[in-house]
């Protein structure tokens, strides 16, 4: 299946019939804190752009989805990425797979550190998604790149560099970038991909927030989009939420 997408410059470019199509779908999204940041931003946009029609509800346990809407849940356990794969698979097989039109989940930045085997984790993810697509051929499965963090700065970062210890946001972001490269290569242009990491690392003027790790240039979260180095502030929420709505409206 080839992903059909359409580019929108802003939420205002999306016409009422397209919002109506989106509002008629049953969408399932598994996430943790950054996903909650994005959904808060979506609700803020919806309070201003009344043409955006989407019923957002949290679904718990083995609930049945009967009506169109955007349903979300806390997937797995943070710092245990395979628990998120297993939880997503379990929920679909437990009944939600027969209830939804589109389904996807995202990992969190805390699921990755300098020791993460990004290649092995991606193979587990891809294997699970391939199995689900065979079991539920009517569902559109989407994919989300892993969110990033900023690079640590200040006196503590300076001391770490002096003594040869890795600075937070370098080797851990390296692993996130590894996973994101694999995900993008496997699915872009084939199935819908929400490139969260690209949005987080791109300034409004198009420049990218970068650092160097292991002699490679990698992307990192732009400091302007966060207050704590990982979660999205109001500016970050607004930017990512707008991109998320455009993604949902264009995904087929």
Protein backbone atom coordinates (compact mmCIF):
# COMPACT_ATOMS: atom_id res chain seq x y z
CA UNK A 1 0.00 0.00 0.00
CA UNK A 2 1.39 3.40 -0.95
CA UNK A 3 0.81 6.26 1.44
CA UNK A 4 -1.22 9.06 -0.10
CA UNK A 5 -0.25 12.41 1.35
CA UNK A 6 -0.96 16.01 0.63
CA UNK A 7 1.14 18.98 1.70
CA UNK A 8 -0.56 21.73 3.68
CA UNK A 9 1.12 25.02 4.54
CA UNK A 10 -1.07 25.59 7.58
CA UNK A 11 -4.08 24.21 9.40
CA UNK A 12 -6.16 26.93 7.75
CA UNK A 13 -5.38 25.42 4.31
CA UNK A 14 -7.33 22.28 5.16
CA UNK A 15 -10.88 22.57 3.87
CA UNK A 16 -14.09 21.59 5.69
CA UNK A 17 -14.67 18.40 3.60
CA UNK A 18 -11.23 17.13 4.59
CA UNK A 19 -11.89 17.78 8.27
CA UNK A 20 -15.17 15.91 7.85
CA UNK A 21 -13.33 12.91 6.43
CA UNK A 22 -10.92 12.99 9.38
CA UNK A 23 -13.79 13.31 11.85
CA UNK A 24 -15.43 10.21 10.37
CA UNK A 25 -12.46 7.96 11.17
CA UNK A 26 -11.65 5.91 14.23
CA UNK A 27 -7.99 6.57 15.04
CA UNK A 28 -5.95 4.87 17.78
CA UNK A 29 -2.75 6.42 19.14
CA UNK A 30 -0.49 5.02 21.87
CA UNK A 31 1.88 7.47 23.55
CA UNK A 32 3.31 8.85 26.77
CA UNK A 33 4.26 12.38 27.86
CA UNK A 34 5.41 14.00 24.59
CA UNK A 35 2.29 12.64 22.94
CA UNK A 36 0.26 14.29 25.70
CA UNK A 37 2.09 17.56 24.98
CA UNK A 38 1.09 17.31 21.32
CA UNK A 39 -2.54 16.50 22.12
CA UNK A 40 -2.70 19.48 24.47
CA UNK A 41 -1.50 21.59 21.57
CA UNK A 42 -4.15 20.04 19.30
CA UNK A 43 -6.88 20.99 21.75
CA UNK A 44 -5.51 24.53 21.92
CA UNK A 45 -5.64 24.77 18.12
CA UNK A 46 -9.16 23.34 18.03
CA UNK A 47 -10.33 26.01 20.48
CA UNK A 48 -9.31 28.66 17.92
CA UNK A 49 -9.96 26.86 14.60
CA UNK A 50 -13.56 25.78 14.99
CA UNK A 51 -13.50 24.04 11.60
CA UNK A 52 -11.29 21.32 13.10
CA UNK A 53 -13.74 18.63 14.11
CA UNK A 54 -12.23 15.72 16.01
CA UNK A 55 -13.56 14.00 19.09
CA UNK A 56 -10.56 13.23 21.33
CA UNK A 57 -11.06 10.53 23.97
CA UNK A 58 -8.81 8.47 26.18
CA UNK A 59 -9.45 4.73 25.94
CA UNK A 60 -8.60 2.38 28.79
CA UNK A 61 -8.14 -1.39 28.91
CA UNK A 62 -10.18 -3.50 26.50
CA UNK A 63 -12.77 -0.82 25.79
CA UNK A 64 -14.75 -1.08 22.56
CA UNK A 65 -14.62 1.80 20.08
CA UNK A 66 -18.00 2.33 18.48
CA UNK A 67 -18.01 5.94 17.30
CA UNK A 68 -15.61 7.92 15.07
CA UNK A 69 -12.98 9.80 17.01
CA UNK A 70 -9.34 10.10 17.99
CA UNK A 71 -8.68 7.59 20.76
CA UNK A 72 -5.44 7.57 22.71
CA UNK A 73 -3.89 5.60 25.56
CA UNK A 74 -0.70 5.38 27.60
CA UNK A 75 1.31 2.71 25.85
CA UNK A 76 3.61 0.36 27.77
CA UNK A 77 6.17 1.56 30.30
CA UNK A 78 8.67 4.35 29.86
CA UNK A 79 12.30 3.23 29.56
CA UNK A 80 11.05 -0.17 28.32
CA UNK A 81 10.47 0.24 24.58
CA UNK A 82 9.63 -3.40 23.95
CA UNK A 83 6.80 -3.16 26.48
CA UNK A 84 5.30 -0.52 24.19
CA UNK A 85 5.48 -2.78 21.16
CA UNK A 86 3.90 -5.61 23.15
CA UNK A 87 1.16 -3.39 24.59
CA UNK A 88 0.21 -1.97 21.20
CA UNK A 89 0.04 -5.47 19.68
CA UNK A 90 -1.94 -6.81 22.63
CA UNK A 91 -4.56 -4.06 22.51
CA UNK A 92 -5.20 -4.58 18.82
CA UNK A 93 -5.45 -8.34 19.18
CA UNK A 94 -7.67 -7.99 22.25
CA UNK A 95 -10.39 -6.33 20.18
CA UNK A 96 -9.39 -2.84 19.13
CA UNK A 97 -8.07 -4.16 15.84
CA UNK A 98 -11.61 -4.70 14.64
CA UNK A 99 -12.71 -1.23 15.80
CA UNK A 100 -10.27 1.23 14.21
CA UNK A 101 -9.41 2.59 10.78
CA UNK A 102 -5.93 3.89 11.60
CA UNK A 103 -3.51 2.93 14.37
CA UNK A 104 -0.04 3.91 15.52
CA UNK A 105 2.09 4.51 18.59
CA UNK A 106 5.27 6.35 19.43
CA UNK A 107 8.26 5.65 21.59
CA UNK A 108 9.47 8.25 24.10
CA UNK A 109 12.90 9.80 24.34
CA UNK A 110 13.45 8.00 27.67
CA UNK A 111 13.22 4.66 25.83
CA UNK A 112 16.68 5.31 24.37
CA UNK A 113 20.07 5.82 25.95
CA UNK A 114 23.66 5.48 24.78
CA UNK A 115 23.54 1.67 25.18
CA UNK A 116 20.32 1.09 23.20
CA UNK A 117 20.66 -1.31 20.27
CA UNK A 118 18.59 0.78 17.86
CA UNK A 119 18.92 -1.75 15.05
CA UNK A 120 17.62 -4.65 17.14
CA UNK A 121 14.77 -2.55 18.51
CA UNK A 122 13.76 -1.46 15.04
CA UNK A 123 13.76 -5.06 13.82
CA UNK A 124 11.41 -5.99 16.69
CA UNK A 125 9.19 -3.02 15.85
CA UNK A 126 9.12 -3.80 12.13
CA UNK A 127 8.39 -7.46 12.73
CA UNK A 128 5.45 -6.59 14.98
CA UNK A 129 4.04 -4.08 12.51
CA UNK A 130 4.38 -6.53 9.63
CA UNK A 131 2.48 -9.16 11.60
CA UNK A 132 -0.27 -6.68 12.51
CA UNK A 133 -0.69 -5.58 8.90
CA UNK A 134 -1.27 -9.20 7.91
CA UNK A 135 -3.78 -9.70 10.72
CA UNK A 136 -5.62 -6.42 10.18
CA UNK A 137 -5.37 -5.54 6.48
CA UNK A 138 -8.09 -2.89 6.69
CA UNK A 139 -6.20 -0.76 9.21
CA UNK A 140 -3.89 2.02 8.02
CA UNK A 141 -0.79 1.68 10.19
CA UNK A 142 1.25 4.84 10.62
CA UNK A 143 4.69 5.39 12.12
CA UNK A 144 6.27 8.09 14.28
CA UNK A 145 9.93 8.97 14.66
CA UNK A 146 11.36 9.05 18.19
CA UNK A 147 11.37 12.44 19.95
CA UNK A 148 14.71 14.03 20.77
CA UNK A 149 16.24 15.95 23.67
CA UNK A 150 18.40 19.05 23.80
CA UNK A 151 22.14 18.89 24.34
CA UNK A 152 23.24 19.59 27.91
CA UNK A 153 25.05 22.90 28.31
CA UNK A 154 26.55 24.94 31.12
CA UNK A 155 29.20 24.12 33.75
CA UNK A 156 28.23 20.46 34.16
CA UNK A 157 28.51 19.82 30.44
CA UNK A 158 31.87 21.61 30.39
CA UNK A 159 33.19 19.39 33.22
CA UNK A 160 31.98 16.25 31.45
CA UNK A 161 33.83 17.26 28.31
CA UNK A 162 37.01 17.92 30.30
CA UNK A 163 36.95 14.50 31.98
CA UNK A 164 35.87 12.70 28.83
CA UNK A 165 32.33 11.74 29.92
CA UNK A 166 29.50 11.88 27.37
CA UNK A 167 27.33 14.97 27.52
CA UNK A 168 23.59 14.33 27.87
CA UNK A 169 21.96 14.71 24.47
CA UNK A 170 24.89 13.42 22.42
CA UNK A 171 25.25 9.62 22.56
CA UNK A 172 21.60 9.09 23.57
CA UNK A 173 20.37 11.26 20.70
CA UNK A 174 22.74 9.35 18.44
CA UNK A 175 20.71 6.19 19.16
CA UNK A 176 17.43 8.01 18.55
CA UNK A 177 18.77 9.28 15.24
CA UNK A 178 19.81 5.73 14.33
CA UNK A 179 16.32 4.40 14.93
CA UNK A 180 14.69 7.30 13.09
CA UNK A 181 16.90 6.77 10.04
CA UNK A 182 15.86 3.11 9.89
CA UNK A 183 12.17 3.92 10.34
CA UNK A 184 12.19 6.64 7.68
CA UNK A 185 14.04 4.46 5.20
CA UNK A 186 11.59 1.59 5.70
CA UNK A 187 8.29 3.47 5.57
CA UNK A 188 8.53 6.92 4.02
CA UNK A 189 6.52 7.00 0.79
CA UNK A 190 5.06 3.57 1.56
CA UNK A 191 3.04 4.14 4.72
CA UNK A 192 2.22 7.35 6.63
CA UNK A 193 5.15 8.64 8.70
CA UNK A 194 4.90 11.49 11.18
CA UNK A 195 8.47 12.77 11.44
CA UNK A 196 8.22 14.15 14.95
CA UNK A 197 12.00 14.30 15.35
CA UNK A 198 12.39 16.41 12.22
CA UNK A 199 9.79 18.89 13.44
CA UNK A 200 11.41 19.07 16.88
CA UNK A 201 14.81 19.83 15.39
CA UNK A 202 13.70 22.31 12.72
CA UNK A 203 13.54 26.04 13.42
CA UNK A 204 10.83 28.17 11.78
CA UNK A 205 13.40 29.40 9.23
CA UNK A 206 14.15 25.81 8.16
CA UNK A 207 17.54 25.49 9.90
CA UNK A 208 18.14 22.33 11.95
CA UNK A 209 19.31 21.99 15.53
CA UNK A 210 22.37 19.71 15.47
CA UNK A 211 25.33 18.41 17.39
CA UNK A 212 28.14 15.91 16.76
CA UNK A 213 28.32 12.46 18.33
CA UNK A 214 30.73 9.65 17.43
CA UNK A 215 32.09 11.79 14.60
CA UNK A 216 28.63 12.10 13.04
CA UNK A 217 26.31 15.06 12.80
CA UNK A 218 22.99 14.28 14.47
CA UNK A 219 19.75 16.17 15.05
CA UNK A 220 18.66 17.33 18.50
CA UNK A 221 15.63 19.06 20.01
CA UNK A 222 15.69 22.82 19.42
CA UNK A 223 15.98 24.55 22.84
CA UNK A 224 13.24 27.02 21.89
CA UNK A 225 10.66 24.20 21.91
CA UNK A 226 11.23 22.95 25.46
CA UNK A 227 11.52 24.13 29.05
CA UNK A 228 13.12 21.00 30.52
CA UNK A 229 15.16 19.60 27.64
CA UNK A 230 12.66 16.95 26.53
CA UNK A 231 9.01 17.90 26.92
CA UNK A 232 7.38 20.50 24.70
CA UNK A 233 6.69 24.01 25.92
CA UNK A 234 3.90 26.20 24.54
CA UNK A 235 5.91 27.10 21.43
CA UNK A 236 6.85 23.49 20.82
CA UNK A 237 3.31 22.23 21.43
CA UNK A 238 1.85 24.72 18.98
CA UNK A 239 4.34 23.78 16.26
CA UNK A 240 4.10 20.02 16.70
CA UNK A 241 0.32 20.04 17.10
CA UNK A 242 -0.15 21.92 13.83
CA UNK A 243 2.13 19.44 12.05
CA UNK A 244 0.28 16.55 13.67
CA UNK A 245 -3.10 17.80 12.46
CA UNK A 246 -1.76 18.25 8.94
CA UNK A 247 -0.36 14.74 9.10
CA UNK A 248 -3.69 13.25 10.19
CA UNK A 249 -5.59 15.17 7.52
CA UNK A 250 -3.24 13.94 4.78
CA UNK A 251 -2.70 10.32 5.84
CA UNK A 252 -4.52 7.71 3.79
